[in-house]
PDB file of all heavy atoms in Angstrom:
ATOM      1  N   ARG A   1       1.955   6.287  25.893  1.00  0.00           N
ATOM      2  CA  ARG A   1       0.686   6.373  25.184  1.00  0.00           C
ATOM      3  C   ARG A   1       0.693   7.555  24.224  1.00  0.00           C
ATOM      4  O   ARG A   1       0.162   7.464  23.110  1.00  0.00           O
ATOM      5  CB  ARG A   1      -0.464   6.503  26.175  1.00  0.00           C
ATOM      6  CG  ARG A   1      -0.883   5.193  26.821  1.00  0.00           C
ATOM      7  CD  ARG A   1      -2.031   5.409  27.778  1.00  0.00           C
ATOM      8  NE  ARG A   1      -2.501   4.157  28.353  1.00  0.00           N
ATOM      9  CZ  ARG A   1      -3.424   4.078  29.298  1.00  0.00           C
ATOM     10  NH1 ARG A   1      -3.983   5.191  29.778  1.00  0.00           N
ATOM     11  NH2 ARG A   1      -3.795   2.906  29.780  1.00  0.00           N
ATOM     12  N   TRP A   2       1.299   8.664  24.668  1.00  0.00           N
ATOM     13  CA  TRP A   2       1.418   9.822  23.788  1.00  0.00           C
ATOM     14  C   TRP A   2       2.305   9.501  22.584  1.00  0.00           C
ATOM     15  O   TRP A   2       1.980   9.890  21.450  1.00  0.00           O
ATOM     16  CB  TRP A   2       2.005  10.994  24.575  1.00  0.00           C
ATOM     17  CG  TRP A   2       2.300  12.186  23.728  1.00  0.00           C
ATOM     18  CD1 TRP A   2       1.403  13.107  23.236  1.00  0.00           C
ATOM     19  CD2 TRP A   2       3.589  12.598  23.256  1.00  0.00           C
ATOM     20  NE1 TRP A   2       2.058  14.060  22.498  1.00  0.00           N
ATOM     21  CE2 TRP A   2       3.402  13.774  22.489  1.00  0.00           C
ATOM     22  CE3 TRP A   2       4.879  12.100  23.421  1.00  0.00           C
ATOM     23  CZ2 TRP A   2       4.458  14.447  21.887  1.00  0.00           C
ATOM     24  CZ3 TRP A   2       5.923  12.757  22.814  1.00  0.00           C
ATOM     25  CH2 TRP A   2       5.710  13.913  22.061  1.00  0.00           C
ATOM     26  N   LYS A   3       3.395   8.783  22.835  1.00  0.00           N
ATOM     27  CA  LYS A   3       4.264   8.381  21.724  1.00  0.00           C
ATOM     28  C   LYS A   3       3.518   7.479  20.746  1.00  0.00           C
ATOM     29  O   LYS A   3       3.652   7.631  19.524  1.00  0.00           O
ATOM     30  CB  LYS A   3       5.488   7.647  22.275  1.00  0.00           C
ATOM     31  CG  LYS A   3       6.428   8.497  23.102  1.00  0.00           C
ATOM     32  CD  LYS A   3       7.349   9.321  22.240  1.00  0.00           C
ATOM     33  CE  LYS A   3       8.396   8.455  21.565  1.00  0.00           C
ATOM     34  NZ  LYS A   3       9.365   9.266  20.776  1.00  0.00           N
ATOM     35  N   ALA A   4       2.720   6.536  21.271  1.00  0.00           N
ATOM     36  CA  ALA A   4       1.943   5.643  20.416  1.00  0.00           C
ATOM     37  C   ALA A   4       0.889   6.424  19.635  1.00  0.00           C
ATOM     38  O   ALA A   4       0.646   6.140  18.451  1.00  0.00           O
ATOM     39  CB  ALA A   4       1.277   4.554  21.260  1.00  0.00           C
ATOM     40  N   ALA A   5       0.275   7.412  20.284  1.00  0.00           N
ATOM     41  CA  ALA A   5      -0.720   8.230  19.586  1.00  0.00           C
ATOM     42  C   ALA A   5      -0.073   9.044  18.479  1.00  0.00           C
ATOM     43  O   ALA A   5      -0.659   9.211  17.397  1.00  0.00           O
ATOM     44  CB  ALA A   5      -1.435   9.144  20.586  1.00  0.00           C
ATOM     45  N   GLN A   6       1.140   9.553  18.736  1.00  0.00           N
ATOM     46  CA  GLN A   6       1.854  10.298  17.705  1.00  0.00           C
ATOM     47  C   GLN A   6       2.188   9.402  16.525  1.00  0.00           C
ATOM     48  O   GLN A   6       2.058   9.817  15.360  1.00  0.00           O
ATOM     49  CB  GLN A   6       3.147  10.880  18.289  1.00  0.00           C
ATOM     50  CG  GLN A   6       2.932  12.003  19.287  1.00  0.00           C
ATOM     51  CD  GLN A   6       2.383  13.249  18.641  1.00  0.00           C
ATOM     52  OE1 GLN A   6       1.206  13.556  18.789  1.00  0.00           O
ATOM     53  NE2 GLN A   6       3.200  13.986  17.943  1.00  0.00           N
ATOM     54  N   ARG A   7       2.587   8.176  16.806  1.00  0.00           N
ATOM     55  CA  ARG A   7       2.908   7.233  15.725  1.00  0.00           C
ATOM     56  C   ARG A   7       1.666   6.903  14.909  1.00  0.00           C
ATOM     57  O   ARG A   7       1.716   6.841  13.676  1.00  0.00           O
ATOM     58  CB  ARG A   7       3.505   5.953  16.322  1.00  0.00           C
ATOM     59  CG  ARG A   7       3.970   4.944  15.286  1.00  0.00           C
ATOM     60  CD  ARG A   7       4.650   3.756  15.966  1.00  0.00           C
ATOM     61  NE  ARG A   7       5.194   2.844  14.984  1.00  0.00           N
ATOM     62  CZ  ARG A   7       4.509   1.844  14.428  1.00  0.00           C
ATOM     63  NH1 ARG A   7       3.251   1.631  14.781  1.00  0.00           N
ATOM     64  NH2 ARG A   7       5.083   1.042  13.533  1.00  0.00           N
ATOM     65  N   LYS A   8       0.543   6.701  15.607  1.00  0.00           N
ATOM     66  CA  LYS A   8      -0.699   6.403  14.901  1.00  0.00           C
ATOM     67  C   LYS A   8      -1.140   7.582  14.049  1.00  0.00           C
ATOM     68  O   LYS A   8      -1.646   7.416  12.929  1.00  0.00           O
ATOM     69  CB  LYS A   8      -1.788   6.044  15.909  1.00  0.00           C
ATOM     70  CG  LYS A   8      -3.096   5.629  15.259  1.00  0.00           C
ATOM     71  CD  LYS A   8      -4.136   5.261  16.295  1.00  0.00           C
ATOM     72  CE  LYS A   8      -5.452   4.885  15.622  1.00  0.00           C
ATOM     73  NZ  LYS A   8      -6.502   4.562  16.619  1.00  0.00           N
ATOM     74  N   GLU A   9      -0.942   8.787  14.558  1.00  0.00           N
ATOM     75  CA  GLU A   9      -1.313   9.978  13.797  1.00  0.00           C
ATOM     76  C   GLU A   9      -0.470  10.101  12.530  1.00  0.00           C
ATOM     77  O   GLU A   9      -0.986  10.453  11.460  1.00  0.00           O
ATOM     78  CB  GLU A   9      -1.151  11.220  14.677  1.00  0.00           C
ATOM     79  CG  GLU A   9      -1.632  12.498  14.033  1.00  0.00           C
ATOM     80  CD  GLU A   9      -1.557  13.686  14.963  1.00  0.00           C
ATOM     81  OE1 GLU A   9      -1.459  13.474  16.190  1.00  0.00           O
ATOM     82  OE2 GLU A   9      -1.600  14.829  14.474  1.00  0.00           O
ATOM     83  N   LEU A  10       0.831   9.811  12.648  1.00  0.00           N
ATOM     84  CA  LEU A  10       1.691   9.829  11.473  1.00  0.00           C
ATOM     85  C   LEU A  10       1.276   8.757  10.473  1.00  0.00           C
ATOM     86  O   LEU A  10       1.311   8.969   9.248  1.00  0.00           O
ATOM     87  CB  LEU A  10       3.152   9.619  11.887  1.00  0.00           C
ATOM     88  CG  LEU A  10       3.828  10.772  12.629  1.00  0.00           C
ATOM     89  CD1 LEU A  10       5.221  10.359  13.089  1.00  0.00           C
ATOM     90  CD2 LEU A  10       3.907  12.013  11.747  1.00  0.00           C
ATOM     91  N   PHE A  11       0.873   7.588  10.997  1.00  0.00           N
ATOM     92  CA  PHE A  11       0.411   6.513  10.129  1.00  0.00           C
ATOM     93  C   PHE A  11      -0.829   6.935   9.351  1.00  0.00           C
ATOM     94  O   PHE A  11      -0.920   6.746   8.130  1.00  0.00           O
ATOM     95  CB  PHE A  11       0.121   5.269  10.977  1.00  0.00           C
ATOM     96  CG  PHE A  11      -0.430   4.102  10.199  1.00  0.00           C
ATOM     97  CD1 PHE A  11       0.427   3.197   9.599  1.00  0.00           C
ATOM     98  CD2 PHE A  11      -1.801   3.906  10.071  1.00  0.00           C
ATOM     99  CE1 PHE A  11      -0.065   2.113   8.881  1.00  0.00           C
ATOM    100  CE2 PHE A  11      -2.296   2.833   9.365  1.00  0.00           C
ATOM    101  CZ  PHE A  11      -1.428   1.936   8.766  1.00  0.00           C
ATOM    102  N   GLU A  12      -1.799   7.528  10.061  1.00  0.00           N
ATOM    103  CA  GLU A  12      -3.035   7.941   9.404  1.00  0.00           C
ATOM    104  C   GLU A  12      -2.792   9.060   8.398  1.00  0.00           C
ATOM    105  O   GLU A  12      -3.494   9.150   7.384  1.00  0.00           O
ATOM    106  CB  GLU A  12      -4.055   8.382  10.451  1.00  0.00           C
ATOM    107  CG  GLU A  12      -4.557   7.242  11.320  1.00  0.00           C
ATOM    108  CD  GLU A  12      -5.550   7.698  12.366  1.00  0.00           C
ATOM    109  OE1 GLU A  12      -5.706   8.933  12.538  1.00  0.00           O
ATOM    110  OE2 GLU A  12      -6.175   6.842  13.016  1.00  0.00           O
ATOM    111  N   ALA A  13      -1.781   9.908   8.670  1.00  0.00           N
ATOM    112  CA  ALA A  13      -1.481  10.992   7.741  1.00  0.00           C
ATOM    113  C   ALA A  13      -0.944  10.471   6.411  1.00  0.00           C
ATOM    114  O   ALA A  13      -1.034  11.166   5.388  1.00  0.00           O
ATOM    115  CB  ALA A  13      -0.461  11.947   8.364  1.00  0.00           C
ATOM    116  N   LYS A  14      -0.404   9.256   6.414  1.00  0.00           N
ATOM    117  CA  LYS A  14       0.151   8.670   5.190  1.00  0.00           C
ATOM    118  C   LYS A  14      -0.825   7.736   4.475  1.00  0.00           C
ATOM    119  O   LYS A  14      -0.478   7.139   3.459  1.00  0.00           O
ATOM    120  CB  LYS A  14       1.441   7.896   5.513  1.00  0.00           C
ATOM    121  CG  LYS A  14       2.595   8.796   5.930  1.00  0.00           C
ATOM    122  CD  LYS A  14       3.849   7.983   6.206  1.00  0.00           C
ATOM    123  CE  LYS A  14       5.012   8.886   6.557  1.00  0.00           C
ATOM    124  NZ  LYS A  14       5.462   9.677   5.401  1.00  0.00           N
ATOM    125  N   LEU A  15      -2.035   7.595   5.009  1.00  0.00           N
ATOM    126  CA  LEU A  15      -2.999   6.690   4.382  1.00  0.00           C
ATOM    127  C   LEU A  15      -3.360   7.138   2.966  1.00  0.00           C
ATOM    128  O   LEU A  15      -3.525   6.309   2.070  1.00  0.00           O
ATOM    129  CB  LEU A  15      -4.256   6.595   5.242  1.00  0.00           C
ATOM    130  CG  LEU A  15      -4.259   5.510   6.318  1.00  0.00           C
ATOM    131  CD1 LEU A  15      -5.507   5.603   7.171  1.00  0.00           C
ATOM    132  CD2 LEU A  15      -4.148   4.128   5.698  1.00  0.00           C
ATOM    133  N   LEU A  16      -3.508   8.447   2.777  1.00  0.00           N
ATOM    134  CA  LEU A  16      -3.839   8.940   1.446  1.00  0.00           C
ATOM    135  C   LEU A  16      -2.710   8.642   0.473  1.00  0.00           C
ATOM    136  O   LEU A  16      -2.957   8.177  -0.658  1.00  0.00           O
ATOM    137  CB  LEU A  16      -4.118  10.446   1.505  1.00  0.00           C
ATOM    138  CG  LEU A  16      -4.469  11.107   0.170  1.00  0.00           C
ATOM    139  CD1 LEU A  16      -5.701  10.466  -0.449  1.00  0.00           C
ATOM    140  CD2 LEU A  16      -4.677  12.612   0.361  1.00  0.00           C
ATOM    141  N   ASP A  17      -1.459   8.888   0.874  1.00  0.00           N
ATOM    142  CA  ASP A  17      -0.318   8.569   0.010  1.00  0.00           C
ATOM    143  C   ASP A  17      -0.246   7.070  -0.268  1.00  0.00           C
ATOM    144  O   ASP A  17       0.106   6.656  -1.379  1.00  0.00           O
ATOM    145  CB  ASP A  17       0.980   9.036   0.670  1.00  0.00           C
ATOM    146  CG  ASP A  17       1.047  10.545   0.808  1.00  0.00           C
ATOM    147  OD1 ASP A  17       0.361  11.230   0.027  1.00  0.00           O
ATOM    148  OD2 ASP A  17       1.757  11.025   1.707  1.00  0.00           O
ATOM    149  N   PHE A  18      -0.556   6.277   0.737  1.00  0.00           N
ATOM    150  CA  PHE A  18      -0.550   4.826   0.561  1.00  0.00           C
ATOM    151  C   PHE A  18      -1.586   4.389  -0.478  1.00  0.00           C
ATOM    152  O   PHE A  18      -1.291   3.600  -1.378  1.00  0.00           O
ATOM    153  CB  PHE A  18      -0.828   4.166   1.905  1.00  0.00           C
ATOM    154  CG  PHE A  18      -1.097   2.690   1.837  1.00  0.00           C
ATOM    155  CD1 PHE A  18      -0.185   1.824   1.249  1.00  0.00           C
ATOM    156  CD2 PHE A  18      -2.270   2.160   2.357  1.00  0.00           C
ATOM    157  CE1 PHE A  18      -0.427   0.463   1.183  1.00  0.00           C
ATOM    158  CE2 PHE A  18      -2.528   0.803   2.298  1.00  0.00           C
ATOM    159  CZ  PHE A  18      -1.606  -0.047   1.704  1.00  0.00           C
ATOM    160  N   THR A  19      -2.795   4.912  -0.366  1.00  0.00           N
ATOM    161  CA  THR A  19      -3.854   4.552  -1.306  1.00  0.00           C
ATOM    162  C   THR A  19      -3.513   5.026  -2.721  1.00  0.00           C
ATOM    163  O   THR A  19      -3.727   4.300  -3.703  1.00  0.00           O
ATOM    164  CB  THR A  19      -5.191   5.162  -0.860  1.00  0.00           C
ATOM    165  OG1 THR A  19      -5.425   4.830   0.509  1.00  0.00           O
ATOM    166  CG2 THR A  19      -6.337   4.614  -1.687  1.00  0.00           C
ATOM    167  N   MET A  20      -2.985   6.243  -2.841  1.00  0.00           N
ATOM    168  CA  MET A  20      -2.588   6.753  -4.156  1.00  0.00           C
ATOM    169  C   MET A  20      -1.459   5.919  -4.744  1.00  0.00           C
ATOM    170  O   MET A  20      -1.422   5.661  -5.961  1.00  0.00           O
ATOM    171  CB  MET A  20      -2.155   8.213  -4.029  1.00  0.00           C
ATOM    172  CG  MET A  20      -3.281   9.167  -3.671  1.00  0.00           C
ATOM    173  SD  MET A  20      -2.715  10.863  -3.362  1.00  0.00           S
ATOM    174  CE  MET A  20      -2.042  11.282  -4.973  1.00  0.00           C
ATOM    175  N   GLY A  21      -0.521   5.472  -3.888  1.00  0.00           N
ATOM    176  CA  GLY A  21       0.564   4.625  -4.381  1.00  0.00           C
ATOM    177  C   GLY A  21       0.059   3.288  -4.900  1.00  0.00           C
ATOM    178  O   GLY A  21       0.523   2.799  -5.944  1.00  0.00           O
ATOM    179  N   LEU A  22      -0.892   2.688  -4.181  1.00  0.00           N
ATOM    180  CA  LEU A  22      -1.480   1.430  -4.656  1.00  0.00           C
ATOM    181  C   LEU A  22      -2.190   1.633  -5.984  1.00  0.00           C
ATOM    182  O   LEU A  22      -2.055   0.820  -6.915  1.00  0.00           O
ATOM    183  CB  LEU A  22      -2.466   0.891  -3.615  1.00  0.00           C
ATOM    184  CG  LEU A  22      -1.892   0.232  -2.367  1.00  0.00           C
ATOM    185  CD1 LEU A  22      -3.020  -0.275  -1.485  1.00  0.00           C
ATOM    186  CD2 LEU A  22      -0.945  -0.912  -2.718  1.00  0.00           C
ATOM    187  N   ALA A  23      -2.980   2.707  -6.085  1.00  0.00           N
ATOM    188  CA  ALA A  23      -3.720   2.966  -7.322  1.00  0.00           C
ATOM    189  C   ALA A  23      -2.764   3.198  -8.490  1.00  0.00           C
ATOM    190  O   ALA A  23      -2.966   2.658  -9.590  1.00  0.00           O
ATOM    191  CB  ALA A  23      -4.640   4.175  -7.138  1.00  0.00           C
ATOM    192  N   SER A  24      -1.718   3.982  -8.259  1.00  0.00           N
ATOM    193  CA  SER A  24      -0.752   4.254  -9.338  1.00  0.00           C
ATOM    194  C   SER A  24      -0.013   2.991  -9.748  1.00  0.00           C
ATOM    195  O   SER A  24       0.211   2.737 -10.937  1.00  0.00           O
ATOM    196  CB  SER A  24       0.242   5.321  -8.876  1.00  0.00           C
ATOM    197  OG  SER A  24      -0.419   6.526  -8.563  1.00  0.00           O
ATOM    198  N   GLY A  25       0.379   2.177  -8.780  1.00  0.00           N
ATOM    199  CA  GLY A  25       1.096   0.949  -9.099  1.00  0.00           C
ATOM    200  C   GLY A  25       0.258  -0.020  -9.899  1.00  0.00           C
ATOM    201  O   GLY A  25       0.734  -0.600 -10.892  1.00  0.00           O
ATOM    202  N   MET A  26      -1.005  -0.217  -9.501  1.00  0.00           N
ATOM    203  CA  MET A  26      -1.860  -1.150 -10.233  1.00  0.00           C
ATOM    204  C   MET A  26      -2.276  -0.591 -11.587  1.00  0.00           C
ATOM    205  O   MET A  26      -2.496  -1.335 -12.537  1.00  0.00           O
ATOM    206  CB  MET A  26      -3.092  -1.490  -9.389  1.00  0.00           C
ATOM    207  CG  MET A  26      -2.758  -2.382  -8.195  1.00  0.00           C
ATOM    208  SD  MET A  26      -4.210  -2.912  -7.272  1.00  0.00           S
ATOM    209  CE  MET A  26      -4.699  -1.350  -6.544  1.00  0.00           C
ATOM    210  N   ARG A  27      -2.364   0.740 -11.686  1.00  0.00           N
ATOM    211  CA  ARG A  27      -2.682   1.344 -12.978  1.00  0.00           C
ATOM    212  C   ARG A  27      -1.538   1.146 -13.967  1.00  0.00           C
ATOM    213  O   ARG A  27      -1.768   1.073 -15.187  1.00  0.00           O
ATOM    214  CB  ARG A  27      -2.970   2.834 -12.799  1.00  0.00           C
ATOM    215  CG  ARG A  27      -3.659   3.470 -14.002  1.00  0.00           C
ATOM    216  CD  ARG A  27      -3.916   4.955 -13.792  1.00  0.00           C
ATOM    217  NE  ARG A  27      -4.814   5.171 -12.665  1.00  0.00           N
ATOM    218  CZ  ARG A  27      -4.449   5.736 -11.535  1.00  0.00           C
ATOM    219  NH1 ARG A  27      -3.188   6.115 -11.350  1.00  0.00           N
ATOM    220  NH2 ARG A  27      -5.306   5.915 -10.556  1.00  0.00           N
ATOM    221  N   SER A  28      -0.314   1.043 -13.446  1.00  0.00           N
ATOM    222  CA  SER A  28       0.837   0.837 -14.336  1.00  0.00           C
ATOM    223  C   SER A  28       1.053  -0.641 -14.671  1.00  0.00           C
ATOM    224  O   SER A  28       2.016  -0.970 -15.365  1.00  0.00           O
ATOM    225  CB  SER A  28       2.097   1.391 -13.670  1.00  0.00           C
ATOM    226  OG  SER A  28       2.399   0.680 -12.476  1.00  0.00           O
ATOM    227  N   GLY A  29       0.190  -1.526 -14.170  1.00  0.00           N
ATOM    228  CA  GLY A  29       0.262  -2.936 -14.537  1.00  0.00           C
ATOM    229  C   GLY A  29       0.754  -3.858 -13.444  1.00  0.00           C
ATOM    230  O   GLY A  29       0.841  -5.075 -13.657  1.00  0.00           O
ATOM    231  N   LEU A  30       1.066  -3.359 -12.288  1.00  0.00           N
ATOM    232  CA  LEU A  30       1.527  -4.206 -11.192  1.00  0.00           C
ATOM    233  C   LEU A  30       0.345  -4.885 -10.511  1.00  0.00           C
ATOM    234  O   LEU A  30      -0.769  -4.360 -10.488  1.00  0.00           O
ATOM    235  CB  LEU A  30       2.283  -3.376 -10.147  1.00  0.00           C
ATOM    236  CG  LEU A  30       3.580  -2.693 -10.603  1.00  0.00           C
ATOM    237  CD1 LEU A  30       4.148  -1.849  -9.472  1.00  0.00           C
ATOM    238  CD2 LEU A  30       4.613  -3.717 -11.063  1.00  0.00           C
ATOM    239  N   GLY A  31       0.605  -6.060  -9.957  1.00  0.00           N
ATOM    240  CA  GLY A  31      -0.396  -6.710  -9.125  1.00  0.00           C
ATOM    241  C   GLY A  31      -0.442  -6.054  -7.754  1.00  0.00           C
ATOM    242  O   GLY A  31       0.421  -5.239  -7.403  1.00  0.00           O
ATOM    243  N   LEU A  32      -1.434  -6.442  -6.954  1.00  0.00           N
ATOM    244  CA  LEU A  32      -1.585  -5.833  -5.641  1.00  0.00           C
ATOM    245  C   LEU A  32      -0.362  -6.056  -4.753  1.00  0.00           C
ATOM    246  O   LEU A  32       0.130  -5.101  -4.130  1.00  0.00           O
ATOM    247  CB  LEU A  32      -2.855  -6.361  -4.961  1.00  0.00           C
ATOM    248  CG  LEU A  32      -3.134  -5.821  -3.556  1.00  0.00           C
ATOM    249  CD1 LEU A  32      -3.238  -4.301  -3.572  1.00  0.00           C
ATOM    250  CD2 LEU A  32      -4.407  -6.441  -2.984  1.00  0.00           C
ATOM    251  N   PRO A  33       0.197  -7.271  -4.659  1.00  0.00           N
ATOM    252  CA  PRO A  33       1.392  -7.451  -3.816  1.00  0.00           C
ATOM    253  C   PRO A  33       2.583  -6.624  -4.304  1.00  0.00           C
ATOM    254  O   PRO A  33       3.312  -6.042  -3.496  1.00  0.00           O
ATOM    255  CB  PRO A  33       1.677  -8.952  -3.915  1.00  0.00           C
ATOM    256  CG  PRO A  33       0.371  -9.565  -4.294  1.00  0.00           C
ATOM    257  CD  PRO A  33      -0.283  -8.571  -5.186  1.00  0.00           C
ATOM    258  N   GLN A  34       2.776  -6.564  -5.633  1.00  0.00           N
ATOM    259  CA  GLN A  34       3.889  -5.794  -6.176  1.00  0.00           C
ATOM    260  C   GLN A  34       3.691  -4.293  -5.947  1.00  0.00           C
ATOM    261  O   GLN A  34       4.636  -3.566  -5.623  1.00  0.00           O
ATOM    262  CB  GLN A  34       4.057  -6.070  -7.673  1.00  0.00           C
ATOM    263  CG  GLN A  34       4.547  -7.472  -8.021  1.00  0.00           C
ATOM    264  CD  GLN A  34       3.466  -8.530  -7.841  1.00  0.00           C
ATOM    265  OE1 GLN A  34       2.267  -8.216  -7.925  1.00  0.00           O
ATOM    266  NE2 GLN A  34       3.879  -9.768  -7.588  1.00  0.00           N
ATOM    267  N   ALA A  35       2.452  -3.824  -6.116  1.00  0.00           N
ATOM    268  CA  ALA A  35       2.165  -2.412  -5.856  1.00  0.00           C
ATOM    269  C   ALA A  35       2.353  -2.083  -4.378  1.00  0.00           C
ATOM    270  O   ALA A  35       2.853  -1.006  -4.026  1.00  0.00           O
ATOM    271  CB  ALA A  35       0.733  -2.089  -6.297  1.00  0.00           C
ATOM    272  N   LEU A  36       1.986  -3.014  -3.536  1.00  0.00           N
ATOM    273  CA  LEU A  36       2.176  -2.826  -2.098  1.00  0.00           C
ATOM    274  C   LEU A  36       3.657  -2.740  -1.756  1.00  0.00           C
ATOM    275  O   LEU A  36       4.079  -1.889  -0.952  1.00  0.00           O
ATOM    276  CB  LEU A  36       1.516  -3.978  -1.351  1.00  0.00           C
ATOM    277  CG  LEU A  36       1.337  -3.841   0.161  1.00  0.00           C
ATOM    278  CD1 LEU A  36       0.382  -2.704   0.480  1.00  0.00           C
ATOM    279  CD2 LEU A  36       0.805  -5.147   0.747  1.00  0.00           C
ATOM    280  N   ASP A  37       4.454  -3.608  -2.374  1.00  0.00           N
ATOM    281  CA  ASP A  37       5.891  -3.605  -2.131  1.00  0.00           C
ATOM    282  C   ASP A  37       6.530  -2.316  -2.625  1.00  0.00           C
ATOM    283  O   ASP A  37       7.369  -1.709  -1.948  1.00  0.00           O
ATOM    284  CB  ASP A  37       6.513  -4.810  -2.835  1.00  0.00           C
ATOM    285  CG  ASP A  37       7.975  -5.015  -2.464  1.00  0.00           C
ATOM    286  OD1 ASP A  37       8.404  -4.442  -1.434  1.00  0.00           O
ATOM    287  OD2 ASP A  37       8.687  -5.737  -3.184  1.00  0.00           O
ATOM    288  N   ALA A  38       6.135  -1.879  -3.836  1.00  0.00           N
ATOM    289  CA  ALA A  38       6.697  -0.650  -4.402  1.00  0.00           C
ATOM    290  C   ALA A  38       6.333   0.567  -3.551  1.00  0.00           C
ATOM    291  O   ALA A  38       7.149   1.467  -3.336  1.00  0.00           O
ATOM    292  CB  ALA A  38       6.198  -0.467  -5.832  1.00  0.00           C
ATOM    293  N   THR A  39       5.112   0.591  -3.054  1.00  0.00           N
ATOM    294  CA  THR A  39       4.678   1.715  -2.215  1.00  0.00           C
ATOM    295  C   THR A  39       5.412   1.718  -0.884  1.00  0.00           C
ATOM    296  O   THR A  39       5.804   2.775  -0.371  1.00  0.00           O
ATOM    297  CB  THR A  39       3.158   1.632  -1.973  1.00  0.00           C
ATOM    298  OG1 THR A  39       2.481   1.600  -3.227  1.00  0.00           O
ATOM    299  CG2 THR A  39       2.674   2.828  -1.180  1.00  0.00           C
ATOM    300  N   ALA A  40       5.621   0.527  -0.317  1.00  0.00           N
ATOM    301  CA  ALA A  40       6.279   0.427   0.988  1.00  0.00           C
ATOM    302  C   ALA A  40       7.715   0.934   0.936  1.00  0.00           C
ATOM    303  O   ALA A  40       8.229   1.449   1.936  1.00  0.00           O
ATOM    304  CB  ALA A  40       6.253  -1.019   1.472  1.00  0.00           C
TER     305      ALA A  40
END
């Protein structure tokens, strides 16, 4: 459970980077799936 909580915490710490990556990708002309792929 502690390991799962640590993983979830790391996931939440990257949410801001994820959102910024989506915004940057779509601002450069990519669609949502393509921006999602590029961010991933």
